[in-house]
Amino acid sequence: MADNDPQCARELSQFAENLLQQLQDNFQTLTEKLTQRMEEMGERIDDLEKHVTGLMVEAGIENASEELMH
């Protein structure tokens, strides 16, 4: 049984290393997806602000850009 312990320890160590690598890869993928979605949302918010400003100008509200900043 003593002969199997080093092999078992190496297998367990390799398993743990593989598992940690998979977790790191999954975390990296999720991070990239979240970053991309946040950038997309930022662009959408910018577009929405531009449209609201345009509508405020059309409605005759003065200083439309300044009012959106507050």
PDB file of N, CA and C in Angstrom:
ATOM      1  N   MET A   1       0.816  -1.194   0.000  1.00  0.00           N
ATOM      2  CA  MET A   1       0.000   0.000   0.000  1.00  0.00           C
ATOM      3  C   MET A   1       0.861   1.259   0.000  1.00  0.00           C
ATOM      4  N   ALA A   2       2.033   1.159   0.601  1.00  0.00           N
ATOM      5  CA  ALA A   2       2.943   2.295   0.623  1.00  0.00           C
ATOM      6  C   ALA A   2       3.411   2.654  -0.768  1.00  0.00           C
ATOM      7  N   ASP A   3       3.472   1.670  -1.670  1.00  0.00           N
ATOM      8  CA  ASP A   3       3.892   1.933  -3.041  1.00  0.00           C
ATOM      9  C   ASP A   3       2.853   2.754  -3.808  1.00  0.00           C
ATOM     10  N   ASN A   4       1.597   2.638  -3.452  1.00  0.00           N
ATOM     11  CA  ASN A   4       0.531   3.344  -4.155  1.00  0.00           C
ATOM     12  C   ASN A   4       0.369   4.790  -3.688  1.00  0.00           C
ATOM     13  N   ASP A   5       0.813   5.118  -2.510  1.00  0.00           N
ATOM     14  CA  ASP A   5       0.608   6.451  -1.957  1.00  0.00           C
ATOM     15  C   ASP A   5       1.253   7.545  -2.799  1.00  0.00           C
ATOM     16  N   PRO A   6       2.512   7.423  -3.229  1.00  0.00           N
ATOM     17  CA  PRO A   6       3.094   8.487  -4.059  1.00  0.00           C
ATOM     18  C   PRO A   6       2.339   8.654  -5.380  1.00  0.00           C
ATOM     19  N   GLN A   7       1.932   7.564  -5.994  1.00  0.00           N
ATOM     20  CA  GLN A   7       1.177   7.635  -7.254  1.00  0.00           C
ATOM     21  C   GLN A   7      -0.165   8.321  -7.030  1.00  0.00           C
ATOM     22  N   CYS A   8      -0.822   7.940  -5.964  1.00  0.00           N
ATOM     23  CA  CYS A   8      -2.118   8.536  -5.628  1.00  0.00           C
ATOM     24  C   CYS A   8      -1.955  10.034  -5.360  1.00  0.00           C
ATOM     25  N   ALA A   9      -0.906  10.407  -4.668  1.00  0.00           N
ATOM     26  CA  ALA A   9      -0.653  11.815  -4.373  1.00  0.00           C
ATOM     27  C   ALA A   9      -0.392  12.597  -5.655  1.00  0.00           C
ATOM     28  N   ARG A  10       0.384  12.008  -6.577  1.00  0.00           N
ATOM     29  CA  ARG A  10       0.652  12.678  -7.856  1.00  0.00           C
ATOM     30  C   ARG A  10      -0.636  12.841  -8.658  1.00  0.00           C
ATOM     31  N   GLU A  11      -1.463  11.807  -8.677  1.00  0.00           N
ATOM     32  CA  GLU A  11      -2.732  11.880  -9.411  1.00  0.00           C
ATOM     33  C   GLU A  11      -3.649  12.939  -8.808  1.00  0.00           C
ATOM     34  N   LEU A  12      -3.702  12.985  -7.502  1.00  0.00           N
ATOM     35  CA  LEU A  12      -4.532  13.984  -6.832  1.00  0.00           C
ATOM     36  C   LEU A  12      -4.015  15.388  -7.115  1.00  0.00           C
ATOM     37  N   SER A  13      -2.705  15.538  -7.080  1.00  0.00           N
ATOM     38  CA  SER A  13      -2.104  16.837  -7.368  1.00  0.00           C
ATOM     39  C   SER A  13      -2.398  17.268  -8.802  1.00  0.00           C
ATOM     40  N   GLN A  14      -2.276  16.346  -9.735  1.00  0.00           N
ATOM     41  CA  GLN A  14      -2.564  16.644 -11.143  1.00  0.00           C
ATOM     42  C   GLN A  14      -4.036  16.982 -11.342  1.00  0.00           C
ATOM     43  N   PHE A  15      -4.904  16.247 -10.674  1.00  0.00           N
ATOM     44  CA  PHE A  15      -6.337  16.517 -10.757  1.00  0.00           C
ATOM     45  C   PHE A  15      -6.641  17.927 -10.253  1.00  0.00           C
ATOM     46  N   ALA A  16      -6.059  18.281  -9.108  1.00  0.00           N
ATOM     47  CA  ALA A  16      -6.286  19.607  -8.526  1.00  0.00           C
ATOM     48  C   ALA A  16      -5.750  20.696  -9.457  1.00  0.00           C
ATOM     49  N   GLU A  17      -4.587  20.454 -10.041  1.00  0.00           N
ATOM     50  CA  GLU A  17      -4.005  21.431 -10.963  1.00  0.00           C
ATOM     51  C   GLU A  17      -4.887  21.620 -12.195  1.00  0.00           C
ATOM     52  N   ASN A  18      -5.386  20.518 -12.746  1.00  0.00           N
ATOM     53  CA  ASN A  18      -6.276  20.599 -13.909  1.00  0.00           C
ATOM     54  C   ASN A  18      -7.569  21.331 -13.562  1.00  0.00           C
ATOM     55  N   LEU A  19      -8.107  21.029 -12.398  1.00  0.00           N
ATOM     56  CA  LEU A  19      -9.343  21.676 -11.967  1.00  0.00           C
ATOM     57  C   LEU A  19      -9.139  23.181 -11.801  1.00  0.00           C
ATOM     58  N   LEU A  20      -8.043  23.570 -11.189  1.00  0.00           N
ATOM     59  CA  LEU A  20      -7.755  25.000 -11.022  1.00  0.00           C
ATOM     60  C   LEU A  20      -7.563  25.687 -12.366  1.00  0.00           C
ATOM     61  N   GLN A  21      -6.936  25.018 -13.320  1.00  0.00           N
ATOM     62  CA  GLN A  21      -6.749  25.589 -14.652  1.00  0.00           C
ATOM     63  C   GLN A  21      -8.096  25.777 -15.348  1.00  0.00           C
ATOM     64  N   GLN A  22      -8.975  24.805 -15.215  1.00  0.00           N
ATOM     65  CA  GLN A  22     -10.311  24.923 -15.805  1.00  0.00           C
ATOM     66  C   GLN A  22     -11.080  26.087 -15.181  1.00  0.00           C
ATOM     67  N   LEU A  23     -10.978  26.207 -13.866  1.00  0.00           N
ATOM     68  CA  LEU A  23     -11.655  27.319 -13.184  1.00  0.00           C
ATOM     69  C   LEU A  23     -11.107  28.661 -13.644  1.00  0.00           C
ATOM     70  N   GLN A  24      -9.803  28.745 -13.790  1.00  0.00           N
ATOM     71  CA  GLN A  24      -9.178  29.979 -14.251  1.00  0.00           C
ATOM     72  C   GLN A  24      -9.628  30.310 -15.679  1.00  0.00           C
ATOM     73  N   ASP A  25      -9.671  29.306 -16.548  1.00  0.00           N
ATOM     74  CA  ASP A  25     -10.120  29.519 -17.920  1.00  0.00           C
ATOM     75  C   ASP A  25     -11.571  29.982 -17.962  1.00  0.00           C
ATOM     76  N   ASN A  26     -12.424  29.337 -17.169  1.00  0.00           N
ATOM     77  CA  ASN A  26     -13.830  29.731 -17.115  1.00  0.00           C
ATOM     78  C   ASN A  26     -13.995  31.139 -16.577  1.00  0.00           C
ATOM     79  N   PHE A  27     -13.227  31.484 -15.555  1.00  0.00           N
ATOM     80  CA  PHE A  27     -13.293  32.827 -14.980  1.00  0.00           C
ATOM     81  C   PHE A  27     -12.846  33.861 -16.006  1.00  0.00           C
ATOM     82  N   GLN A  28     -11.795  33.566 -16.760  1.00  0.00           N
ATOM     83  CA  GLN A  28     -11.304  34.482 -17.794  1.00  0.00           C
ATOM     84  C   GLN A  28     -12.361  34.693 -18.872  1.00  0.00           C
ATOM     85  N   THR A  29     -13.011  33.616 -19.282  1.00  0.00           N
ATOM     86  CA  THR A  29     -14.063  33.711 -20.295  1.00  0.00           C
ATOM     87  C   THR A  29     -15.223  34.566 -19.802  1.00  0.00           C
ATOM     88  N   LEU A  30     -15.641  34.343 -18.563  1.00  0.00           N
ATOM     89  CA  LEU A  30     -16.730  35.136 -17.991  1.00  0.00           C
ATOM     90  C   LEU A  30     -16.345  36.603 -17.862  1.00  0.00           C
ATOM     91  N   THR A  31     -15.109  36.851 -17.466  1.00  0.00           N
ATOM     92  CA  THR A  31     -14.629  38.226 -17.341  1.00  0.00           C
ATOM     93  C   THR A  31     -14.669  38.939 -18.680  1.00  0.00           C
ATOM     94  N   GLU A  32     -14.240  38.253 -19.729  1.00  0.00           N
ATOM     95  CA  GLU A  32     -14.263  38.843 -21.069  1.00  0.00           C
ATOM     96  C   GLU A  32     -15.687  39.126 -21.530  1.00  0.00           C
ATOM     97  N   LYS A  33     -16.597  38.197 -21.265  1.00  0.00           N
ATOM     98  CA  LYS A  33     -17.992  38.402 -21.650  1.00  0.00           C
ATOM     99  C   LYS A  33     -18.605  39.577 -20.895  1.00  0.00           C
ATOM    100  N   LEU A  34     -18.343  39.655 -19.601  1.00  0.00           N
ATOM    101  CA  LEU A  34     -18.886  40.757 -18.803  1.00  0.00           C
ATOM    102  C   LEU A  34     -18.336  42.098 -19.265  1.00  0.00           C
ATOM    103  N   THR A  35     -17.055  42.142 -19.554  1.00  0.00           N
ATOM    104  CA  THR A  35     -16.434  43.378 -20.027  1.00  0.00           C
ATOM    105  C   THR A  35     -17.064  43.820 -21.341  1.00  0.00           C
ATOM    106  N   GLN A  36     -17.265  42.871 -22.252  1.00  0.00           N
ATOM    107  CA  GLN A  36     -17.877  43.185 -23.534  1.00  0.00           C
ATOM    108  C   GLN A  36     -19.301  43.707 -23.348  1.00  0.00           C
ATOM    109  N   ARG A  37     -20.054  43.048 -22.488  1.00  0.00           N
ATOM    110  CA  ARG A  37     -21.438  43.485 -22.264  1.00  0.00           C
ATOM    111  C   ARG A  37     -21.498  44.854 -21.600  1.00  0.00           C
ATOM    112  N   MET A  38     -20.571  45.121 -20.692  1.00  0.00           N
ATOM    113  CA  MET A  38     -20.539  46.438 -20.051  1.00  0.00           C
ATOM    114  C   MET A  38     -20.224  47.525 -21.073  1.00  0.00           C
ATOM    115  N   GLU A  39     -19.294  47.230 -21.988  1.00  0.00           N
ATOM    116  CA  GLU A  39     -18.973  48.197 -23.041  1.00  0.00           C
ATOM    117  C   GLU A  39     -20.181  48.432 -23.941  1.00  0.00           C
ATOM    118  N   GLU A  40     -20.892  47.361 -24.289  1.00  0.00           N
ATOM    119  CA  GLU A  40     -22.093  47.496 -25.111  1.00  0.00           C
ATOM    120  C   GLU A  40     -23.150  48.335 -24.400  1.00  0.00           C
ATOM    121  N   MET A  41     -23.332  48.093 -23.112  1.00  0.00           N
ATOM    122  CA  MET A  41     -24.317  48.866 -22.351  1.00  0.00           C
ATOM    123  C   MET A  41     -23.909  50.331 -22.274  1.00  0.00           C
ATOM    124  N   GLY A  42     -22.617  50.586 -22.122  1.00  0.00           N
ATOM    125  CA  GLY A  42     -22.134  51.960 -22.107  1.00  0.00           C
ATOM    126  C   GLY A  42     -22.444  52.672 -23.415  1.00  0.00           C
ATOM    127  N   GLU A  43     -22.252  51.971 -24.531  1.00  0.00           N
ATOM    128  CA  GLU A  43     -22.565  52.549 -25.837  1.00  0.00           C
ATOM    129  C   GLU A  43     -24.056  52.817 -25.964  1.00  0.00           C
ATOM    130  N   ARG A  44     -24.867  51.898 -25.478  1.00  0.00           N
ATOM    131  CA  ARG A  44     -26.318  52.085 -25.548  1.00  0.00           C
ATOM    132  C   ARG A  44     -26.758  53.275 -24.701  1.00  0.00           C
ATOM    133  N   ILE A  45     -26.161  53.414 -23.540  1.00  0.00           N
ATOM    134  CA  ILE A  45     -26.499  54.554 -22.671  1.00  0.00           C
ATOM    135  C   ILE A  45     -26.107  55.859 -23.339  1.00  0.00           C
ATOM    136  N   ASP A  46     -24.926  55.890 -23.976  1.00  0.00           N
ATOM    137  CA  ASP A  46     -24.496  57.090 -24.697  1.00  0.00           C
ATOM    138  C   ASP A  46     -25.486  57.434 -25.806  1.00  0.00           C
ATOM    139  N   ASP A  47     -25.909  56.418 -26.566  1.00  0.00           N
ATOM    140  CA  ASP A  47     -26.886  56.643 -27.635  1.00  0.00           C
ATOM    141  C   ASP A  47     -28.205  57.155 -27.069  1.00  0.00           C
ATOM    142  N   LEU A  48     -28.642  56.571 -25.967  1.00  0.00           N
ATOM    143  CA  LEU A  48     -29.889  57.005 -25.342  1.00  0.00           C
ATOM    144  C   LEU A  48     -29.799  58.465 -24.899  1.00  0.00           C
ATOM    145  N   GLU A  49     -28.670  58.845 -24.308  1.00  0.00           N
ATOM    146  CA  GLU A  49     -28.484  60.232 -23.886  1.00  0.00           C
ATOM    147  C   GLU A  49     -28.552  61.174 -25.081  1.00  0.00           C
ATOM    148  N   LYS A  50     -27.947  60.777 -26.207  1.00  0.00           N
ATOM    149  CA  LYS A  50     -27.985  61.610 -27.409  1.00  0.00           C
ATOM    150  C   LYS A  50     -29.411  61.760 -27.914  1.00  0.00           C
ATOM    151  N   HIS A  51     -30.170  60.663 -27.915  1.00  0.00           N
ATOM    152  CA  HIS A  51     -31.557  60.726 -28.378  1.00  0.00           C
ATOM    153  C   HIS A  51     -32.411  61.585 -27.457  1.00  0.00           C
ATOM    154  N   VAL A  52     -32.223  61.447 -26.170  1.00  0.00           N
ATOM    155  CA  VAL A  52     -32.989  62.258 -25.218  1.00  0.00           C
ATOM    156  C   VAL A  52     -32.644  63.733 -25.393  1.00  0.00           C
ATOM    157  N   THR A  53     -31.363  64.023 -25.584  1.00  0.00           N
ATOM    158  CA  THR A  53     -30.947  65.412 -25.804  1.00  0.00           C
ATOM    159  C   THR A  53     -31.601  65.957 -27.070  1.00  0.00           C
ATOM    160  N   GLY A  54     -31.596  65.137 -28.127  1.00  0.00           N
ATOM    161  CA  GLY A  54     -32.236  65.568 -29.371  1.00  0.00           C
ATOM    162  C   GLY A  54     -33.720  65.834 -29.188  1.00  0.00           C
ATOM    163  N   LEU A  55     -34.384  64.973 -28.456  1.00  0.00           N
ATOM    164  CA  LEU A  55     -35.811  65.172 -28.195  1.00  0.00           C
ATOM    165  C   LEU A  55     -36.058  66.422 -27.361  1.00  0.00           C
ATOM    166  N   MET A  56     -35.188  66.674 -26.407  1.00  0.00           N
ATOM    167  CA  MET A  56     -35.349  67.876 -25.576  1.00  0.00           C
ATOM    168  C   MET A  56     -35.143  69.128 -26.414  1.00  0.00           C
ATOM    169  N   VAL A  57     -34.186  69.093 -27.325  1.00  0.00           N
ATOM    170  CA  VAL A  57     -33.956  70.238 -28.206  1.00  0.00           C
ATOM    171  C   VAL A  57     -35.171  70.436 -29.101  1.00  0.00           C
ATOM    172  N   GLU A  58     -35.698  69.366 -29.663  1.00  0.00           N
ATOM    173  CA  GLU A  58     -36.898  69.464 -30.505  1.00  0.00           C
ATOM    174  C   GLU A  58     -38.081  70.016 -29.719  1.00  0.00           C
ATOM    175  N   ALA A  59     -38.157  69.685 -28.458  1.00  0.00           N
ATOM    176  CA  ALA A  59     -39.272  70.145 -27.624  1.00  0.00           C
ATOM    177  C   ALA A  59     -39.079  71.585 -27.176  1.00  0.00           C
ATOM    178  N   GLY A  60     -37.917  72.153 -27.482  1.00  0.00           N
ATOM    179  CA  GLY A  60     -37.682  73.552 -27.134  1.00  0.00           C
ATOM    180  C   GLY A  60     -37.139  73.754 -25.741  1.00  0.00           C
ATOM    181  N   ILE A  61     -36.632  72.722 -25.128  1.00  0.00           N
ATOM    182  CA  ILE A  61     -36.062  72.863 -23.799  1.00  0.00           C
ATOM    183  C   ILE A  61     -34.625  73.344 -23.963  1.00  0.00           C
ATOM    184  N   GLU A  62     -34.308  74.494 -23.350  1.00  0.00           N
ATOM    185  CA  GLU A  62     -32.973  75.065 -23.478  1.00  0.00           C
ATOM    186  C   GLU A  62     -31.978  74.307 -22.614  1.00  0.00           C
ATOM    187  N   ASN A  63     -30.741  74.356 -23.012  1.00  0.00           N
ATOM    188  CA  ASN A  63     -29.647  73.712 -22.266  1.00  0.00           C
ATOM    189  C   ASN A  63     -29.925  72.233 -22.036  1.00  0.00           C
ATOM    190  N   ALA A  64     -30.394  71.529 -23.034  1.00  0.00           N
ATOM    191  CA  ALA A  64     -30.756  70.124 -22.890  1.00  0.00           C
ATOM    192  C   ALA A  64     -29.572  69.292 -22.440  1.00  0.00           C
ATOM    193  N   SER A  65     -28.410  69.537 -22.990  1.00  0.00           N
ATOM    194  CA  SER A  65     -27.222  68.751 -22.612  1.00  0.00           C
ATOM    195  C   SER A  65     -26.858  68.986 -21.162  1.00  0.00           C
ATOM    196  N   GLU A  66     -26.932  70.225 -20.712  1.00  0.00           N
ATOM    197  CA  GLU A  66     -26.580  70.540 -19.332  1.00  0.00           C
ATOM    198  C   GLU A  66     -27.542  69.887 -18.352  1.00  0.00           C
ATOM    199  N   GLU A  67     -28.835  69.864 -18.696  1.00  0.00           N
ATOM    200  CA  GLU A  67     -29.838  69.289 -17.809  1.00  0.00           C
ATOM    201  C   GLU A  67     -29.638  67.788 -17.664  1.00  0.00           C
ATOM    202  N   LEU A  68     -29.172  67.103 -18.708  1.00  0.00           N
ATOM    203  CA  LEU A  68     -28.935  65.672 -18.623  1.00  0.00           C
ATOM    204  C   LEU A  68     -27.750  65.361 -17.717  1.00  0.00           C
ATOM    205  N   MET A  69     -26.829  66.270 -17.595  1.00  0.00           N
ATOM    206  CA  MET A  69     -25.642  66.049 -16.778  1.00  0.00           C
ATOM    207  C   MET A  69     -25.949  66.118 -15.283  1.00  0.00           C
ATOM    208  N   HIS A  70     -27.051  66.735 -14.895  1.00  0.00           N
ATOM    209  CA  HIS A  70     -27.360  66.908 -13.464  1.00  0.00           C
ATOM    210  C   HIS A  70     -28.177  65.806 -12.942  1.00  0.00           C
TER     211      HIS A  70
END
